[in-house]
Structures are given as structure tokens and as C-alpha cells.
C-alpha atoms as a PDB file:
ATOM      1  CA  MET A   1      41.147   8.410  26.866  1.00  0.00           C
ATOM      2  CA  ASN A   2      38.463  10.464  25.461  1.00  0.00           C
ATOM      3  CA  SER A   3      36.567   8.355  23.177  1.00  0.00           C
ATOM      4  CA  LYS A   4      32.591   9.129  21.993  1.00  0.00           C
ATOM      5  CA  ILE A   5      30.519   6.080  21.610  1.00  0.00           C
ATOM      6  CA  LYS A   6      28.709   6.651  18.239  1.00  0.00           C
ATOM      7  CA  THR A   7      25.259   5.314  17.956  1.00  0.00           C
ATOM      8  CA  ALA A   8      22.662   5.010  14.817  1.00  0.00           C
ATOM      9  CA  ALA A   9      19.157   5.262  15.253  1.00  0.00           C
ATOM     10  CA  TYR A  10      17.429   2.059  14.755  1.00  0.00           C
ATOM     11  CA  ASN A  11      15.117   1.868  12.014  1.00  0.00           C
ATOM     12  CA  PRO A  12      13.072  -1.841  11.762  1.00  0.00           C
ATOM     13  CA  ALA A  13      12.447  -1.544   8.433  1.00  0.00           C
ATOM     14  CA  ASP A  14      16.076  -1.839   7.628  1.00  0.00           C
ATOM     15  CA  TYR A  15      15.644  -5.665   9.163  1.00  0.00           C
ATOM     16  CA  LEU A  16      12.487  -6.686   7.058  1.00  0.00           C
ATOM     17  CA  GLU A  17      13.944  -8.639   4.292  1.00  0.00           C
ATOM     18  CA  THR A  18      11.631 -11.326   3.201  1.00  0.00           C
ATOM     19  CA  PRO A  19       7.465 -11.530   3.461  1.00  0.00           C
ATOM     20  CA  GLU A  20       8.418 -13.977   6.236  1.00  0.00           C
ATOM     21  CA  ASP A  21      10.146 -11.094   8.262  1.00  0.00           C
ATOM     22  CA  VAL A  22       7.202  -8.779   7.433  1.00  0.00           C
ATOM     23  CA  ARG A  23       4.749 -11.164   8.704  1.00  0.00           C
ATOM     24  CA  GLY A  24       6.547 -11.968  11.900  1.00  0.00           C
ATOM     25  CA  TYR A  25       6.884  -8.369  12.536  1.00  0.00           C
ATOM     26  CA  LEU A  26       3.345  -7.299  12.231  1.00  0.00           C
ATOM     27  CA  GLU A  27       2.292 -10.480  13.860  1.00  0.00           C
ATOM     28  CA  ALA A  28       4.529  -9.608  17.060  1.00  0.00           C
ATOM     29  CA  CYS A  29       3.073  -6.051  16.983  1.00  0.00           C
ATOM     30  CA  LEU A  30      -0.424  -7.263  16.818  1.00  0.00           C
ATOM     31  CA  GLU A  31       0.084  -9.531  19.677  1.00  0.00           C
ATOM     32  CA  GLU A  32       0.538  -6.375  21.698  1.00  0.00           C
ATOM     33  CA  ASN A  33      -3.023  -5.601  21.635  1.00  0.00           C
ATOM     34  CA  ASP A  34      -2.083  -1.645  20.781  1.00  0.00           C
ATOM     35  CA  PRO A  35      -3.791  -0.796  17.681  1.00  0.00           C
ATOM     36  CA  ALA A  36      -1.826   2.206  17.266  1.00  0.00           C
ATOM     37  CA  LEU A  37       1.493  -0.003  17.356  1.00  0.00           C
ATOM     38  CA  PHE A  38       0.056  -1.894  14.773  1.00  0.00           C
ATOM     39  CA  ILE A  39      -0.920   0.855  12.324  1.00  0.00           C
ATOM     40  CA  GLU A  40       2.742   2.437  12.695  1.00  0.00           C
ATOM     41  CA  ALA A  41       4.148  -1.154  12.008  1.00  0.00           C
ATOM     42  CA  ILE A  42       2.423  -1.402   8.962  1.00  0.00           C
ATOM     43  CA  GLY A  43       4.113   1.642   7.743  1.00  0.00           C
ATOM     44  CA  VAL A  44       7.220   0.430   8.726  1.00  0.00           C
ATOM     45  CA  ALA A  45       6.434  -2.576   6.978  1.00  0.00           C
ATOM     46  CA  ALA A  46       5.386  -0.809   3.644  1.00  0.00           C
ATOM     47  CA  LYS A  47       8.783   1.433   3.855  1.00  0.00           C
ATOM     48  CA  SER A  48      10.703  -1.642   3.803  1.00  0.00           C
ATOM     49  CA  LYS A  49       9.052  -2.697   0.797  1.00  0.00           C
ATOM     50  CA  GLY A  50       9.386   0.569  -0.628  1.00  0.00           C
ATOM     51  CA  MET A  51       6.502   3.366  -0.630  1.00  0.00           C
ATOM     52  CA  ALA A  52       6.437   4.046  -4.112  1.00  0.00           C
ATOM     53  CA  SER A  53       5.773   0.346  -4.879  1.00  0.00           C
ATOM     54  CA  ILE A  54       3.039   0.153  -2.363  1.00  0.00           C
ATOM     55  CA  ALA A  55       1.483   3.535  -3.783  1.00  0.00           C
ATOM     56  CA  ASP A  56       1.136   1.598  -7.089  1.00  0.00           C
ATOM     57  CA  GLN A  57      -0.335  -1.460  -5.740  1.00  0.00           C
ATOM     58  CA  THR A  58      -2.761   0.156  -3.888  1.00  0.00           C
ATOM     59  CA  GLY A  59      -3.512   3.133  -6.119  1.00  0.00           C
ATOM     60  CA  LEU A  60      -3.036   5.431  -3.249  1.00  0.00           C
ATOM     61  CA  GLY A  61      -0.638   8.673  -3.294  1.00  0.00           C
ATOM     62  CA  ARG A  62       3.085   7.964  -1.805  1.00  0.00           C
ATOM     63  CA  GLU A  63       2.718  11.311   0.364  1.00  0.00           C
ATOM     64  CA  SER A  64      -0.638  10.196   1.840  1.00  0.00           C
ATOM     65  CA  LEU A  65       0.669   6.824   2.641  1.00  0.00           C
ATOM     66  CA  TYR A  66       3.529   8.449   4.907  1.00  0.00           C
ATOM     67  CA  LYS A  67       1.078  10.789   6.494  1.00  0.00           C
ATOM     68  CA  SER A  68      -1.620   7.878   7.153  1.00  0.00           C
ATOM     69  CA  PHE A  69       1.192   5.233   9.063  1.00  0.00           C
ATOM     70  CA  GLY A  70       2.781   7.541  11.190  1.00  0.00           C
ATOM     71  CA  ALA A  71       2.674   7.762  15.043  1.00  0.00           C
ATOM     72  CA  GLY A  72      -0.747   8.800  16.151  1.00  0.00           C
ATOM     73  CA  LYS A  73      -2.311   8.666  13.008  1.00  0.00           C
ATOM     74  CA  HIS A  74      -5.734   6.784  12.020  1.00  0.00           C
ATOM     75  CA  PRO A  75      -5.967   5.987   8.432  1.00  0.00           C
ATOM     76  CA  ARG A  76      -9.046   4.688   7.039  1.00  0.00           C
ATOM     77  CA  PHE A  77      -9.897   0.734   7.196  1.00  0.00           C
ATOM     78  CA  GLU A  78      -9.772   0.662   3.518  1.00  0.00           C
ATOM     79  CA  THR A  79      -6.267   2.193   3.464  1.00  0.00           C
ATOM     80  CA  VAL A  80      -5.214  -0.292   5.825  1.00  0.00           C
ATOM     81  CA  PHE A  81      -6.525  -3.462   4.125  1.00  0.00           C
ATOM     82  CA  LYS A  82      -5.207  -2.304   0.685  1.00  0.00           C
ATOM     83  CA  VAL A  83      -1.730  -1.990   2.186  1.00  0.00           C
ATOM     84  CA  VAL A  84      -1.816  -5.206   3.824  1.00  0.00           C
ATOM     85  CA  GLN A  85      -2.863  -6.682   0.588  1.00  0.00           C
ATOM     86  CA  ALA A  86      -0.074  -4.932  -1.130  1.00  0.00           C
ATOM     87  CA  LEU A  87       2.618  -6.373   1.543  1.00  0.00           C
ATOM     88  CA  GLY A  88       1.346  -9.695   0.263  1.00  0.00           C
ATOM     89  CA  LEU A  89      -0.760 -10.758   3.371  1.00  0.00           C
ATOM     90  CA  LYS A  90      -4.393 -11.178   4.139  1.00  0.00           C
ATOM     91  CA  PHE A  91      -6.425 -10.484   7.482  1.00  0.00           C
ATOM     92  CA  GLU A  92      -7.776 -13.576   8.940  1.00  0.00           C
ATOM     93  CA  LEU A  93      -9.927 -14.041  12.014  1.00  0.00           C
ATOM     94  CA  GLY A  94      -9.558 -16.516  14.868  1.00  0.00           C
ATOM     95  CA  GLN A  95     -11.046 -17.394  17.945  1.00  0.00           C
ATOM     96  CA  ASN A  96      -9.916 -15.224  20.928  1.00  0.00           C
ATOM     97  CA  THR A  97      -9.611 -18.064  23.563  1.00  0.00           C
ATOM     98  CA  ALA A  98      -9.087 -15.553  26.453  1.00  0.00           C
ATOM     99  CA  LEU A  99     -12.481 -14.168  25.955  1.00  0.00           C
ATOM    100  CA  ASN A 100     -14.070 -17.868  25.916  1.00  0.00           C
ATOM    101  CA  ALA A 101     -12.539 -18.784  29.435  1.00  0.00           C
END
């Protein structure tokens, strides 16, 4: 029997259907303490909502948003802040208990 296994590329954006999904995904990525992973995750979350919609809400260009949140990119904090807000989220600071031990 000569059967071939078919696979499809995994795209996390396909599974971010609700605001709670997006928040949970970004929180999980943030817990990894890897800024590059978090920036890439914001891009995934923005794609799940629709980059054109994010562009409209932020006043930023759709193409520049795609370029800003790819692997290895370093967008300006202002851009990150605007996109997080457009995702319906906000930044909050909490105390890092590991540093206070």
C-alpha cells in the first residue's frame, strides 16, 4: 500500500476566534519571556482579526503592519501599543514576584 500522508501548515490565527482566545494566546506567549515571540504573536492575533481592520483602527498602513510583526522584526512601541488597543486589549503592569524573592 502506497499511501501518502497529507499535512497542512499550522496557523494559530485560525484558532483565535474570540477576544478571550486572543488574550489567552498573547498571555501564553508573553509568559515565555521572549520579546520576539510576543511581537510575532501580536502579528498572528492581528491577522486573526483582519489586518485591514487593524489598519483602519490604528491609522497605520496594512502593508506596514504585515512588515512590522513578522519573525525577527522590531516594531516601534507606539505601533505595538496601537495594535494591542485595536485588539481590544490593554497593557497592565503587575509585580514580578520572582525578582522580589
